[in-house]
Amino acid sequence: MSEQSAQPEYRIEDLAHHSGATVRTIRAYQDRGLLPRPERRGRSNVYGDTHLARLRQIADLLDRGYTLASIKELLEAWDAGRGLGGVLGLVAEVDGPWTDEEADRISRAELDARFGGTPDEEAVREAVELGVLERIPGRETEEYLVPSPQELAVAAELHAAGVPLSAITGHLRELRGQVEQIAARFLEFTTEHVFARYLEHRPPSDADAAEAATMVRRLRPLAQQTVDAELARAMRLFATRHLQFHLSPDGPPPEEREPRTVALPPATIRAVERLVGAENVAAFITAAAEREVQKRALDTLASNAVKDNQIGQVP
């Protein structure tokens, strides 16, 4: 048997079966230049292990969040002799766990018992929607994966203290939005000041990608450490004020619920109206002001954390 005949050969249907892709997807990849053209044998197209390996590479990169356009760039770099090892190492580092917490499992009976013993289908539905619980299919009894046992434990303690489950899920939705803003801003901050030099070329070289992966490992804990420290500081400050307000003989001061008028230059109002429409001016200015306040606060916090980390590494 010749070396050529010893190589596996596939029809497009066989290639689809082995790769998990559909025939339509394989043809679309060929049309976009992601997959090499097959070899023509008479009236048939013949594919080999090279095509199968390429389809698996594409599937892996899609799972990691890459777009088809960026995958094409990476594969072209691979074909040109620049390895994907460093880039995939960087992706693996970013995709890795950002916490030491390990997921757990809980049965529906255990879940109901932890939350007072009374089944609440709406609360379970919301917990699944928020990702606090993940259904485990194929079980004789109802069972769930708990990605963050700590988060579930906090919810159970709050409920035991008298907080309704609907209020807990509502608070989590609000908190999640605020935390996602902090995470996004931290990524913008570190990309601008740390990672920009590694990402000048697309895709980055193996050396740059490997160095960037090392920086991810170094900086990974800073976001959580900064938030933990600042949350502790804020809780100490506001909890003391809150207690003083409620222990005051005169009672807590009335909350300021009425909107306050702030004078803005007419030119600013007109510019915002042209951008978002007259009916959205107030919402736009409010959101822009809140974003700027958060941006400046996070810049200060992250900058202090980076400085503290650098000082801690000085021999």
Protein backbone atom coordinates (compact mmCIF):
# COMPACT_ATOMS: atom_id res chain seq x y z
CA MET A 1 0.00 0.00 0.00
CA SER A 2 1.43 3.34 -1.01
CA GLU A 3 1.94 6.15 1.46
CA GLN A 4 -0.78 8.15 -0.26
CA SER A 5 -3.33 5.32 -0.11
CA ALA A 6 -2.53 4.74 3.58
CA GLN A 7 -3.85 8.19 4.48
CA PRO A 8 -7.52 8.28 5.61
CA GLU A 9 -9.86 9.73 3.01
CA TYR A 10 -13.37 11.05 3.61
CA ARG A 11 -16.34 12.04 1.57
CA ILE A 12 -17.90 15.27 2.77
CA GLU A 13 -20.62 13.32 4.61
CA ASP A 14 -17.96 11.24 6.40
CA LEU A 15 -15.99 14.37 7.27
CA ALA A 16 -19.13 15.92 8.74
CA HIS A 17 -19.75 12.80 10.81
CA HIS A 18 -16.22 12.67 12.22
CA SER A 19 -15.91 16.39 12.89
CA GLY A 20 -19.38 17.12 14.25
CA ALA A 21 -19.90 19.89 11.68
CA THR A 22 -22.70 19.82 9.13
CA VAL A 23 -22.11 19.43 5.40
CA ARG A 24 -23.48 22.95 4.93
CA THR A 25 -21.02 24.34 7.51
CA ILE A 26 -18.06 22.60 5.85
CA ARG A 27 -18.98 24.12 2.48
CA ALA A 28 -19.41 27.55 4.10
CA TYR A 29 -15.93 27.27 5.65
CA GLN A 30 -14.50 26.41 2.23
CA ASP A 31 -16.19 29.42 0.66
CA ARG A 32 -14.74 31.71 3.38
CA GLY A 33 -11.23 30.32 2.95
CA LEU A 34 -11.16 28.70 6.40
CA LEU A 35 -10.86 25.19 5.02
CA PRO A 36 -8.62 24.00 2.16
CA ARG A 37 -10.35 22.78 -0.97
CA PRO A 38 -10.68 18.98 -1.25
CA GLU A 39 -8.80 16.90 -3.76
CA ARG A 40 -10.77 16.04 -6.87
CA ARG A 41 -10.98 12.32 -7.73
CA GLY A 42 -13.04 11.84 -10.84
CA ARG A 43 -16.50 13.06 -9.91
CA SER A 44 -15.85 12.97 -6.16
CA ASN A 45 -14.27 15.38 -3.69
CA VAL A 46 -11.91 13.72 -1.25
CA TYR A 47 -10.96 15.11 2.17
CA GLY A 48 -8.17 14.01 4.50
CA ASP A 49 -6.98 14.25 8.09
CA THR A 50 -5.73 17.79 7.41
CA HIS A 51 -9.32 18.89 6.82
CA LEU A 52 -10.52 17.05 9.92
CA ALA A 53 -7.83 18.64 12.08
CA ARG A 54 -8.67 22.08 10.69
CA LEU A 55 -12.38 21.65 11.47
CA ARG A 56 -11.53 20.68 15.03
CA GLN A 57 -9.28 23.74 15.37
CA ILE A 58 -12.09 25.98 14.17
CA ALA A 59 -14.58 24.40 16.58
CA ASP A 60 -12.15 24.85 19.49
CA LEU A 61 -11.57 28.52 18.66
CA LEU A 62 -15.31 29.16 18.30
CA ASP A 63 -15.84 27.62 21.74
CA ARG A 64 -13.24 30.05 23.10
CA GLY A 65 -15.23 33.01 21.79
CA TYR A 66 -13.35 33.83 18.59
CA THR A 67 -15.27 35.12 15.56
CA LEU A 68 -14.87 33.49 12.17
CA ALA A 69 -13.02 36.57 10.92
CA SER A 70 -10.46 36.40 13.73
CA ILE A 71 -10.16 32.63 13.30
CA LYS A 72 -9.31 33.16 9.64
CA GLU A 73 -6.50 35.54 10.65
CA LEU A 74 -5.13 33.03 13.15
CA LEU A 75 -5.24 30.15 10.71
CA GLU A 76 -3.57 32.22 8.00
CA ALA A 77 -0.80 33.03 10.49
CA TRP A 78 -0.51 29.31 11.25
CA ASP A 79 -0.27 28.45 7.56
CA ALA A 80 2.38 31.14 7.13
CA GLY A 81 4.55 29.42 9.72
CA ARG A 82 3.65 31.39 12.85
CA GLY A 83 2.48 28.98 15.53
CA LEU A 84 -0.78 29.26 17.43
CA GLY A 85 0.76 27.85 20.60
CA GLY A 86 1.36 31.18 22.29
CA VAL A 87 -2.02 32.60 21.33
CA LEU A 88 -3.90 29.53 22.51
CA GLY A 89 -1.89 29.60 25.74
CA LEU A 90 -3.00 33.18 26.32
CA VAL A 91 -6.61 32.26 25.54
CA ALA A 92 -6.41 29.32 27.95
CA GLU A 93 -5.04 31.60 30.67
CA VAL A 94 -7.87 34.10 30.23
CA ASP A 95 -10.48 31.33 30.00
CA GLY A 96 -9.15 29.70 33.18
CA PRO A 97 -10.89 29.96 36.56
CA TRP A 98 -10.90 33.41 38.16
CA THR A 99 -11.67 32.00 41.59
CA ASP A 100 -10.49 29.12 43.76
CA GLU A 101 -14.11 28.23 44.56
CA GLU A 102 -15.23 24.81 43.31
CA ALA A 103 -18.69 24.03 42.00
CA ASP A 104 -20.98 21.73 44.00
CA ARG A 105 -24.20 19.80 43.45
CA ILE A 106 -27.48 19.95 45.31
CA SER A 107 -30.69 17.95 45.05
CA ARG A 108 -34.06 19.65 44.84
CA ALA A 109 -34.97 18.26 48.25
CA GLU A 110 -31.79 19.71 49.78
CA LEU A 111 -32.41 23.02 48.02
CA ASP A 112 -35.95 23.31 49.36
CA ALA A 113 -34.74 22.43 52.86
CA ARG A 114 -32.08 25.16 52.82
CA PHE A 115 -34.70 27.75 51.90
CA GLY A 116 -37.32 27.01 54.52
CA GLY A 117 -38.72 23.70 53.28
CA THR A 118 -41.41 25.18 51.04
CA PRO A 119 -40.90 24.62 47.29
CA ASP A 120 -40.82 27.83 45.26
CA GLU A 121 -40.85 27.13 41.53
CA GLU A 122 -40.55 30.80 40.54
CA ALA A 123 -37.47 31.29 42.73
CA VAL A 124 -35.82 28.20 41.24
CA ARG A 125 -36.62 29.40 37.73
CA GLU A 126 -35.03 32.77 38.43
CA ALA A 127 -31.97 31.12 40.02
CA VAL A 128 -31.50 29.00 36.88
CA GLU A 129 -31.97 32.07 34.67
CA LEU A 130 -29.29 33.92 36.67
CA GLY A 131 -26.90 30.95 36.55
CA VAL A 132 -26.93 30.49 40.32
CA LEU A 133 -28.23 26.98 39.61
CA GLU A 134 -27.76 24.82 36.51
CA ARG A 135 -30.08 21.91 35.85
CA ILE A 136 -28.42 18.49 35.55
CA PRO A 137 -30.39 16.47 32.97
CA GLY A 138 -30.82 12.72 32.93
CA ARG A 139 -31.26 12.27 36.69
CA GLU A 140 -33.97 10.22 38.36
CA THR A 141 -34.31 12.95 40.99
CA GLU A 142 -34.13 16.68 40.31
CA GLU A 143 -30.54 17.83 40.81
CA TYR A 144 -28.62 21.05 40.16
CA LEU A 145 -25.03 22.16 39.68
CA VAL A 146 -24.09 25.11 41.93
CA PRO A 147 -21.27 27.09 40.22
CA SER A 148 -20.75 29.25 43.33
CA PRO A 149 -21.70 27.55 46.63
CA GLN A 150 -20.75 30.78 48.43
CA GLU A 151 -23.33 32.76 46.45
CA LEU A 152 -26.03 30.19 47.24
CA ALA A 153 -25.02 30.22 50.92
CA VAL A 154 -25.37 34.01 51.04
CA ALA A 155 -28.85 33.76 49.53
CA ALA A 156 -29.84 31.13 52.10
CA GLU A 157 -28.59 33.28 54.99
CA LEU A 158 -30.42 36.36 53.70
CA HIS A 159 -33.62 34.36 53.29
CA ALA A 160 -33.27 32.94 56.81
CA ALA A 161 -32.89 36.54 58.06
CA GLY A 162 -36.24 37.42 56.51
CA VAL A 163 -35.38 38.71 53.03
CA PRO A 164 -37.89 37.50 50.39
CA LEU A 165 -36.44 35.40 47.58
CA SER A 166 -37.76 37.84 44.97
CA ALA A 167 -35.85 40.66 46.68
CA ILE A 168 -32.66 38.56 46.76
CA THR A 169 -32.80 37.80 43.03
CA GLY A 170 -33.62 41.44 42.26
CA HIS A 171 -30.65 42.58 44.33
CA LEU A 172 -28.40 40.06 42.56
CA ARG A 173 -29.47 41.35 39.13
CA GLU A 174 -28.66 44.92 40.20
CA LEU A 175 -25.37 43.91 41.80
CA ARG A 176 -24.33 41.85 38.79
CA GLY A 177 -24.79 44.79 36.45
CA GLN A 178 -22.62 47.00 38.67
CA VAL A 179 -19.91 44.36 39.03
CA GLU A 180 -19.84 43.77 35.28
CA GLN A 181 -19.20 47.49 34.81
CA ILE A 182 -16.29 47.27 37.25
CA ALA A 183 -14.89 44.22 35.44
CA ALA A 184 -15.21 45.89 32.05
CA ARG A 185 -13.49 49.04 33.29
CA PHE A 186 -10.67 47.04 34.91
CA LEU A 187 -10.09 45.26 31.59
CA GLU A 188 -10.05 48.58 29.71
CA PHE A 189 -7.61 50.00 32.26
CA THR A 190 -5.18 47.06 32.16
CA THR A 191 -5.42 46.73 28.38
CA GLU A 192 -4.53 50.40 27.94
CA HIS A 193 -1.65 50.45 30.42
CA VAL A 194 -0.34 46.86 30.39
CA PHE A 195 -1.50 44.68 27.49
CA ALA A 196 -1.58 47.14 24.58
CA ARG A 197 2.11 46.52 23.83
CA TYR A 198 1.49 42.76 23.48
CA LEU A 199 -1.47 43.22 21.14
CA GLU A 200 0.07 45.54 18.56
CA HIS A 201 0.21 42.71 16.02
CA ARG A 202 -2.76 40.51 15.20
CA PRO A 203 -2.26 37.77 15.98
CA PRO A 204 0.55 38.50 18.46
CA SER A 205 3.80 36.60 18.18
CA ASP A 206 4.29 33.51 20.33
CA ALA A 207 6.74 35.42 22.55
CA ASP A 208 4.33 38.34 23.09
CA ALA A 209 1.40 35.99 23.71
CA ALA A 210 3.39 33.97 26.24
CA GLU A 211 4.50 37.12 28.07
CA ALA A 212 0.93 38.43 28.07
CA ALA A 213 -0.25 35.12 29.56
CA THR A 214 2.30 35.56 32.35
CA MET A 215 0.95 39.07 33.00
CA VAL A 216 -2.60 37.70 33.18
CA ARG A 217 -1.49 35.28 35.90
CA ARG A 218 0.17 38.15 37.82
CA LEU A 219 -2.73 40.56 37.51
CA ARG A 220 -5.55 38.02 37.82
CA PRO A 221 -6.05 38.50 41.60
CA LEU A 222 -5.78 42.31 41.56
CA ALA A 223 -9.37 43.02 40.52
CA GLN A 224 -10.85 40.91 43.30
CA GLN A 225 -8.34 42.15 45.88
CA THR A 226 -9.15 45.76 44.98
CA VAL A 227 -12.90 45.22 45.14
CA ASP A 228 -12.60 43.29 48.42
CA ALA A 229 -10.53 46.05 50.03
CA GLU A 230 -12.74 48.87 48.79
CA LEU A 231 -15.95 47.06 49.68
CA ALA A 232 -14.64 46.54 53.22
CA ARG A 233 -13.73 50.23 53.45
CA ALA A 234 -17.11 51.36 52.09
CA MET A 235 -19.07 48.99 54.34
CA ARG A 236 -17.19 50.22 57.40
CA LEU A 237 -17.85 53.84 56.45
CA PHE A 238 -21.51 53.53 55.44
CA ALA A 239 -22.48 50.98 58.09
CA THR A 240 -21.24 53.39 60.78
CA ARG A 241 -23.17 56.29 59.24
CA HIS A 242 -26.25 54.12 58.78
CA LEU A 243 -26.18 53.06 62.43
CA GLN A 244 -25.70 56.63 63.59
CA PHE A 245 -28.67 57.78 61.52
CA HIS A 246 -30.97 55.13 62.94
CA LEU A 247 -29.80 55.58 66.54
CA SER A 248 -30.20 59.34 66.42
CA PRO A 249 -32.88 60.65 68.86
CA ASP A 250 -34.39 62.64 66.01
CA GLY A 251 -34.60 59.60 63.76
CA PRO A 252 -32.99 59.21 60.34
CA PRO A 253 -32.94 62.28 58.12
CA PRO A 254 -35.50 62.28 55.32
CA GLU A 255 -34.27 60.73 52.08
CA GLU A 256 -33.77 63.06 49.18
CA ARG A 257 -36.25 61.65 46.68
CA GLU A 258 -37.03 64.72 44.61
CA PRO A 259 -34.86 65.43 41.55
CA ARG A 260 -32.48 68.37 41.76
CA THR A 261 -32.11 70.93 39.01
CA VAL A 262 -28.64 71.40 37.55
CA ALA A 263 -27.90 74.14 35.03
CA LEU A 264 -26.22 72.90 31.85
CA PRO A 265 -25.02 74.99 28.88
CA PRO A 266 -27.64 75.12 26.10
CA ALA A 267 -25.04 73.93 23.60
CA THR A 268 -24.55 70.74 25.65
CA ILE A 269 -28.29 70.06 25.75
CA ARG A 270 -28.60 70.57 21.99
CA ALA A 271 -25.67 68.25 21.30
CA VAL A 272 -27.20 65.51 23.45
CA GLU A 273 -30.60 65.99 21.80
CA ARG A 274 -29.04 65.51 18.37
CA LEU A 275 -27.34 62.36 19.61
CA VAL A 276 -30.14 60.57 21.47
CA GLY A 277 -33.32 62.64 20.98
CA ALA A 278 -34.98 65.13 23.29
CA GLU A 279 -36.87 62.45 25.25
CA ASN A 280 -33.62 60.68 26.26
CA VAL A 281 -31.53 63.69 27.32
CA ALA A 282 -31.95 63.22 31.08
CA ALA A 283 -31.26 59.48 30.97
CA PHE A 284 -28.19 59.97 28.76
CA ILE A 285 -26.64 62.68 30.97
CA THR A 286 -27.36 60.63 34.12
CA ALA A 287 -25.73 57.52 32.64
CA ALA A 288 -22.74 59.49 31.34
CA ALA A 289 -22.17 61.12 34.74
CA GLU A 290 -22.42 57.79 36.58
CA ARG A 291 -20.03 56.15 34.11
CA GLU A 292 -17.47 58.93 34.55
CA VAL A 293 -17.66 58.73 38.35
CA GLN A 294 -17.21 54.95 38.24
CA LYS A 295 -14.39 55.24 35.70
CA ARG A 296 -12.42 57.68 37.84
CA ALA A 297 -12.99 55.66 41.01
CA LEU A 298 -11.88 52.41 39.36
CA ASP A 299 -8.85 54.05 37.76
CA THR A 300 -7.74 55.21 41.19
CA LEU A 301 -8.40 51.84 42.82
CA ALA A 302 -6.68 49.80 40.12
CA SER A 303 -3.72 52.19 39.98
CA ASN A 304 -3.24 51.88 43.73
CA ALA A 305 -3.47 48.09 43.50
CA VAL A 306 -0.83 47.94 40.75
CA LYS A 307 1.47 50.20 42.79
CA ASP A 308 0.98 48.09 45.90
CA ASN A 309 1.76 44.95 43.92
CA GLN A 310 4.92 46.49 42.49
CA ILE A 311 6.05 47.67 45.92
CA GLY A 312 5.44 44.18 47.31
CA GLN A 313 7.78 42.72 44.67
CA VAL A 314 10.65 45.06 45.43
CA PRO A 315 13.38 43.03 47.19
